[in-house]
C-alpha atoms as a PDB file:
ATOM      1  CA  MET A   1      72.315  95.527-202.103  1.00  0.00           C
ATOM      2  CA  ASP A   2      72.223  97.810-198.901  1.00  0.00           C
ATOM      3  CA  LYS A   3      74.059 100.279-200.882  1.00  0.00           C
ATOM      4  CA  GLY A   4      71.974 100.722-203.607  1.00  0.00           C
ATOM      5  CA  TYR A   5      69.273 101.259-201.120  1.00  0.00           C
ATOM      6  CA  GLY A   6      71.059 103.774-199.510  1.00  0.00           C
ATOM      7  CA  VAL A   7      71.773 105.672-202.664  1.00  0.00           C
ATOM      8  CA  TYR A   8      68.015 105.777-203.084  1.00  0.00           C
ATOM      9  CA  ILE A   9      66.792 106.873-200.103  1.00  0.00           C
ATOM     10  CA  LYS A  10      69.830 109.601-200.620  1.00  0.00           C
ATOM     11  CA  ALA A  11      68.253 110.536-204.002  1.00  0.00           C
ATOM     12  CA  PHE A  12      64.549 110.195-202.835  1.00  0.00           C
ATOM     13  CA  GLY A  13      64.431 111.257-199.592  1.00  0.00           C
ATOM     14  CA  VAL A  14      63.371 109.272-196.438  1.00  0.00           C
ATOM     15  CA  ALA A  15      60.191 111.426-196.323  1.00  0.00           C
ATOM     16  CA  ASN A  16      59.459 110.447-199.974  1.00  0.00           C
ATOM     17  CA  THR A  17      59.960 106.824-199.071  1.00  0.00           C
ATOM     18  CA  LEU A  18      57.638 106.487-196.075  1.00  0.00           C
ATOM     19  CA  THR A  19      54.954 108.082-198.709  1.00  0.00           C
ATOM     20  CA  LEU A  20      55.211 105.541-201.035  1.00  0.00           C
ATOM     21  CA  THR A  21      55.529 103.142-197.986  1.00  0.00           C
ATOM     22  CA  ARG A  22      51.816 104.520-197.696  1.00  0.00           C
ATOM     23  CA  MET A  23      50.675 104.344-201.124  1.00  0.00           C
ATOM     24  CA  PHE A  24      51.668 100.453-200.984  1.00  0.00           C
ATOM     25  CA  LEU A  25      49.666  99.905-197.523  1.00  0.00           C
ATOM     26  CA  ILE A  26      46.573 101.310-199.376  1.00  0.00           C
ATOM     27  CA  PRO A  27      46.130  97.350-201.427  1.00  0.00           C
ATOM     28  CA  VAL A  28      47.234  95.906-198.438  1.00  0.00           C
ATOM     29  CA  PHE A  29      44.244  97.667-196.711  1.00  0.00           C
ATOM     30  CA  VAL A  30      41.372  97.347-199.328  1.00  0.00           C
ATOM     31  CA  ILE A  31      42.524  93.534-199.523  1.00  0.00           C
ATOM     32  CA  SER A  32      42.380  92.690-195.781  1.00  0.00           C
ATOM     33  CA  SER A  33      39.218  94.813-195.348  1.00  0.00           C
ATOM     34  CA  VAL A  34      37.656  93.337-198.430  1.00  0.00           C
ATOM     35  CA  TYR A  35      38.309  89.603-197.123  1.00  0.00           C
ATOM     36  CA  GLY A  36      37.069  90.277-193.386  1.00  0.00           C
ATOM     37  CA  TYR A  37      40.311  90.896-191.675  1.00  0.00           C
ATOM     38  CA  GLN A  38      39.187  94.153-189.877  1.00  0.00           C
ATOM     39  CA  ARG A  39      41.528  94.274-187.061  1.00  0.00           C
ATOM     40  CA  PHE A  40      44.687  93.536-189.740  1.00  0.00           C
ATOM     41  CA  ALA A  41      42.956  96.673-191.982  1.00  0.00           C
ATOM     42  CA  PHE A  42      42.795  98.955-188.542  1.00  0.00           C
ATOM     43  CA  PHE A  43      46.581  98.077-188.098  1.00  0.00           C
ATOM     44  CA  THR A  44      47.436  98.712-191.566  1.00  0.00           C
ATOM     45  CA  PHE A  45      45.611 101.977-191.194  1.00  0.00           C
ATOM     46  CA  VAL A  46      47.509 103.123-188.015  1.00  0.00           C
ATOM     47  CA  VAL A  47      50.817 102.372-189.820  1.00  0.00           C
ATOM     48  CA  ALA A  48      49.604 104.270-192.612  1.00  0.00           C
ATOM     49  CA  GLY A  49      48.622 107.026-190.531  1.00  0.00           C
ATOM     50  CA  ILE A  50      52.358 107.472-188.827  1.00  0.00           C
ATOM     51  CA  THR A  51      54.017 107.139-191.650  1.00  0.00           C
ATOM     52  CA  ASP A  52      51.790 110.163-192.849  1.00  0.00           C
ATOM     53  CA  PHE A  53      52.972 111.849-189.797  1.00  0.00           C
ATOM     54  CA  LEU A  54      56.725 110.769-189.991  1.00  0.00           C
ATOM     55  CA  ASP A  55      57.038 111.993-193.484  1.00  0.00           C
ATOM     56  CA  GLY A  56      55.499 115.635-192.806  1.00  0.00           C
ATOM     57  CA  PHE A  57      57.650 115.936-189.618  1.00  0.00           C
ATOM     58  CA  ILE A  58      60.760 114.494-191.415  1.00  0.00           C
ATOM     59  CA  ALA A  59      60.541 116.578-194.486  1.00  0.00           C
ATOM     60  CA  ARG A  60      59.716 119.968-192.728  1.00  0.00           C
ATOM     61  CA  TYR A  61      62.300 119.042-190.045  1.00  0.00           C
ATOM     62  CA  THR A  62      65.306 118.332-192.074  1.00  0.00           C
ATOM     63  CA  LYS A  63      64.354 120.692-194.987  1.00  0.00           C
ATOM     64  CA  SER A  64      64.021 118.158-197.462  1.00  0.00           C
ATOM     65  CA  VAL A  65      60.816 119.299-198.767  1.00  0.00           C
ATOM     66  CA  THR A  66      60.604 117.922-202.376  1.00  0.00           C
ATOM     67  CA  ASP A  67      58.640 118.860-205.571  1.00  0.00           C
ATOM     68  CA  VAL A  68      57.643 115.258-205.698  1.00  0.00           C
ATOM     69  CA  GLY A  69      56.390 114.907-201.997  1.00  0.00           C
ATOM     70  CA  LYS A  70      54.546 118.025-202.690  1.00  0.00           C
ATOM     71  CA  ILE A  71      52.923 115.744-205.266  1.00  0.00           C
ATOM     72  CA  LEU A  72      52.989 112.312-203.808  1.00  0.00           C
ATOM     73  CA  ASP A  73      52.168 113.163-200.208  1.00  0.00           C
ATOM     74  CA  PRO A  74      48.625 114.884-200.647  1.00  0.00           C
ATOM     75  CA  MET A  75      47.673 112.056-203.514  1.00  0.00           C
ATOM     76  CA  ALA A  76      48.434 109.095-201.300  1.00  0.00           C
ATOM     77  CA  ASP A  77      46.365 110.984-198.637  1.00  0.00           C
ATOM     78  CA  LYS A  78      43.309 111.345-201.036  1.00  0.00           C
ATOM     79  CA  VAL A  79      43.732 107.701-202.529  1.00  0.00           C
ATOM     80  CA  MET A  80      43.760 106.145-198.729  1.00  0.00           C
ATOM     81  CA  LEU A  81      40.854 108.171-197.474  1.00  0.00           C
ATOM     82  CA  ILE A  82      38.837 107.515-200.870  1.00  0.00           C
ATOM     83  CA  SER A  83      39.739 103.918-200.619  1.00  0.00           C
ATOM     84  CA  ILE A  84      38.818 103.729-196.478  1.00  0.00           C
ATOM     85  CA  TYR A  85      35.101 105.485-197.521  1.00  0.00           C
ATOM     86  CA  VAL A  86      34.772 102.749-200.277  1.00  0.00           C
ATOM     87  CA  VAL A  87      35.422 100.158-198.110  1.00  0.00           C
ATOM     88  CA  LEU A  88      33.377 101.088-195.592  1.00  0.00           C
ATOM     89  CA  SER A  89      30.550 101.600-197.350  1.00  0.00           C
ATOM     90  CA  LEU A  90      30.536  98.308-198.752  1.00  0.00           C
ATOM     91  CA  LYS A  91      28.093  95.934-197.058  1.00  0.00           C
ATOM     92  CA  SER A  92      29.777  92.476-198.246  1.00  0.00           C
ATOM     93  CA  THR A  93      32.529  93.217-195.789  1.00  0.00           C
ATOM     94  CA  GLY A  94      30.459  92.186-193.101  1.00  0.00           C
ATOM     95  CA  ASN A  95      31.136  95.520-191.398  1.00  0.00           C
ATOM     96  CA  LEU A  96      28.984  95.987-188.118  1.00  0.00           C
ATOM     97  CA  ASN A  97      28.894  99.998-189.032  1.00  0.00           C
ATOM     98  CA  ILE A  98      28.459 100.906-192.352  1.00  0.00           C
ATOM     99  CA  VAL A  99      28.947 104.593-194.316  1.00  0.00           C
ATOM    100  CA  PRO A 100      26.111 105.556-197.080  1.00  0.00           C
ATOM    101  CA  VAL A 101      27.163 105.346-200.534  1.00  0.00           C
ATOM    102  CA  TRP A 102      26.255 108.847-200.769  1.00  0.00           C
ATOM    103  CA  LEU A 103      28.799 109.986-198.153  1.00  0.00           C
ATOM    104  CA  THR A 104      31.604 108.065-200.126  1.00  0.00           C
ATOM    105  CA  LEU A 105      30.486 109.480-203.651  1.00  0.00           C
ATOM    106  CA  LEU A 106      30.199 113.050-202.031  1.00  0.00           C
ATOM    107  CA  ILE A 107      34.005 112.739-200.639  1.00  0.00           C
ATOM    108  CA  ILE A 108      34.996 111.236-203.945  1.00  0.00           C
ATOM    109  CA  PHE A 109      32.760 113.954-206.142  1.00  0.00           C
ATOM    110  CA  ARG A 110      34.585 116.279-204.043  1.00  0.00           C
ATOM    111  CA  ASP A 111      38.061 115.321-204.661  1.00  0.00           C
ATOM    112  CA  VAL A 112      37.492 115.151-208.170  1.00  0.00           C
ATOM    113  CA  PHE A 113      36.037 118.541-208.833  1.00  0.00           C
ATOM    114  CA  ILE A 114      39.062 120.217-206.625  1.00  0.00           C
ATOM    115  CA  ALA A 115      41.248 118.543-208.770  1.00  0.00           C
ATOM    116  CA  ILE A 116      39.894 119.626-212.018  1.00  0.00           C
ATOM    117  CA  GLY A 117      38.965 123.100-210.646  1.00  0.00           C
ATOM    118  CA  GLY A 118      43.064 123.037-209.781  1.00  0.00           C
ATOM    119  CA  ILE A 119      43.715 122.016-213.145  1.00  0.00           C
ATOM    120  CA  ILE A 120      41.754 124.605-214.560  1.00  0.00           C
ATOM    121  CA  VAL A 121      42.863 127.416-212.283  1.00  0.00           C
ATOM    122  CA  PHE A 122      46.620 126.690-212.717  1.00  0.00           C
ATOM    123  CA  PHE A 123      45.790 127.214-216.692  1.00  0.00           C
ATOM    124  CA  THR A 124      44.149 130.089-216.430  1.00  0.00           C
ATOM    125  CA  LYS A 125      45.306 132.172-213.574  1.00  0.00           C
ATOM    126  CA  ASP A 126      46.293 131.849-210.095  1.00  0.00           C
ATOM    127  CA  VAL A 127      48.337 128.965-208.821  1.00  0.00           C
ATOM    128  CA  ASN A 128      47.871 129.777-205.047  1.00  0.00           C
ATOM    129  CA  ALA A 129      44.337 129.578-205.637  1.00  0.00           C
ATOM    130  CA  ILE A 130      44.750 125.662-205.864  1.00  0.00           C
ATOM    131  CA  LEU A 131      46.447 125.234-202.182  1.00  0.00           C
ATOM    132  CA  PRO A 132      44.619 123.912-199.566  1.00  0.00           C
ATOM    133  CA  SER A 133      42.583 126.011-197.330  1.00  0.00           C
ATOM    134  CA  ILE A 134      41.652 125.670-193.754  1.00  0.00           C
ATOM    135  CA  TYR A 135      38.234 124.402-194.880  1.00  0.00           C
ATOM    136  CA  GLY A 136      39.799 121.611-196.445  1.00  0.00           C
ATOM    137  CA  LYS A 137      42.175 120.829-193.786  1.00  0.00           C
ATOM    138  CA  ILE A 138      39.138 120.784-191.458  1.00  0.00           C
ATOM    139  CA  SER A 139      37.267 118.507-193.921  1.00  0.00           C
ATOM    140  CA  THR A 140      40.447 115.785-193.668  1.00  0.00           C
ATOM    141  CA  VAL A 141      40.441 116.189-190.360  1.00  0.00           C
ATOM    142  CA  VAL A 142      36.908 115.276-189.806  1.00  0.00           C
ATOM    143  CA  GLN A 143      36.743 112.366-192.247  1.00  0.00           C
ATOM    144  CA  ILE A 144      40.407 110.821-190.610  1.00  0.00           C
ATOM    145  CA  ILE A 145      38.740 110.923-187.255  1.00  0.00           C
ATOM    146  CA  GLY A 146      35.729 109.656-188.614  1.00  0.00           C
ATOM    147  CA  ALA A 147      37.184 106.935-190.530  1.00  0.00           C
ATOM    148  CA  SER A 148      39.461 105.954-187.412  1.00  0.00           C
ATOM    149  CA  ILE A 149      36.424 105.806-185.110  1.00  0.00           C
ATOM    150  CA  ILE A 150      34.492 103.306-187.653  1.00  0.00           C
ATOM    151  CA  LEU A 151      37.575 101.214-188.434  1.00  0.00           C
ATOM    152  CA  TYR A 152      38.377 101.090-184.513  1.00  0.00           C
ATOM    153  CA  CYS A 153      34.310  99.788-184.108  1.00  0.00           C
ATOM    154  CA  ASN A 154      34.362  97.404-187.149  1.00  0.00           C
ATOM    155  CA  ALA A 155      37.979  95.984-185.797  1.00  0.00           C
ATOM    156  CA  TYR A 156      36.657  95.068-182.342  1.00  0.00           C
ATOM    157  CA  SER A 157      32.870  94.367-183.591  1.00  0.00           C
ATOM    158  CA  MET A 158      31.673  97.227-181.952  1.00  0.00           C
ATOM    159  CA  ARG A 159      28.264  98.628-183.170  1.00  0.00           C
ATOM    160  CA  PHE A 160      28.553 102.810-182.822  1.00  0.00           C
ATOM    161  CA  ARG A 161      25.689 104.357-181.431  1.00  0.00           C
ATOM    162  CA  PHE A 162      26.196 107.568-183.452  1.00  0.00           C
ATOM    163  CA  ILE A 163      27.184 106.708-186.899  1.00  0.00           C
ATOM    164  CA  ASP A 164      24.515 108.596-188.520  1.00  0.00           C
ATOM    165  CA  GLU A 165      25.509 111.811-186.361  1.00  0.00           C
ATOM    166  CA  LEU A 166      29.051 111.184-187.746  1.00  0.00           C
ATOM    167  CA  VAL A 167      27.958 110.432-191.152  1.00  0.00           C
ATOM    168  CA  TYR A 168      26.456 113.823-191.203  1.00  0.00           C
ATOM    169  CA  VAL A 169      29.039 115.510-189.439  1.00  0.00           C
ATOM    170  CA  ILE A 170      31.774 114.079-192.266  1.00  0.00           C
ATOM    171  CA  GLY A 171      29.200 115.232-195.049  1.00  0.00           C
ATOM    172  CA  PHE A 172      28.627 118.729-193.659  1.00  0.00           C
ATOM    173  CA  PHE A 173      32.182 119.570-193.935  1.00  0.00           C
ATOM    174  CA  THR A 174      33.228 117.308-196.926  1.00  0.00           C
ATOM    175  CA  MET A 175      30.397 119.756-198.527  1.00  0.00           C
ATOM    176  CA  LEU A 176      31.460 123.047-197.237  1.00  0.00           C
ATOM    177  CA  SER A 177      35.158 122.608-198.023  1.00  0.00           C
ATOM    178  CA  GLY A 178      33.848 121.616-201.336  1.00  0.00           C
ATOM    179  CA  VAL A 179      32.010 125.178-201.655  1.00  0.00           C
ATOM    180  CA  MET A 180      34.724 126.980-200.304  1.00  0.00           C
ATOM    181  CA  TYR A 181      37.046 125.911-203.151  1.00  0.00           C
ATOM    182  CA  LEU A 182      34.783 126.597-205.443  1.00  0.00           C
ATOM    183  CA  VAL A 183      34.368 130.314-204.369  1.00  0.00           C
ATOM    184  CA  LYS A 184      38.092 130.770-203.906  1.00  0.00           C
ATOM    185  CA  GLY A 185      38.474 129.169-207.605  1.00  0.00           C
ATOM    186  CA  VAL A 186      35.908 131.842-209.252  1.00  0.00           C
ATOM    187  CA  ARG A 187      37.247 134.418-207.237  1.00  0.00           C
ATOM    188  CA  SER A 188      40.330 134.092-209.148  1.00  0.00           C
ATOM    189  CA  VAL A 189      39.684 133.714-212.523  1.00  0.00           C
ATOM    190  CA  ILE A 190      37.337 136.383-212.541  1.00  0.00           C
END
């Protein structure tokens, strides 16, 4: 049994295994959130964040970046973030801090929009146009920081006084990155 697992790790890689672990943590996070286990959900989010850091670090440090990892890692990040914001917009979870549905829809729409635009650009012209931009990275960091604060406050039953301001900051950077991807995509096909 151990020998088979070792062969799997060698073939698939430690970094990709950590990415898959993060993907398996997503339903754990969602289920624990929906059923009111906010501290466990926060702990799951923290573990997922650690796997995200480690998979990137290991892939770069060991020079084992793979094509599979290039697809799985951002996919895991996006599915995790979307799952978090969907859960945070559900009033039925009993959370003290709820994000408005419009923010969740904006995050989902931006990611779908980028994916569709990326496919169009990929098949028409310049593959580099679909590479992550600094605006996309800033938006993702802002979304993660915002989610971290809200999840932490919900886990420990603390009302976050600046949730409205935080929501607008997240919304602004999400929209800005979407517009910048649109501009970059249009320029690449013209």
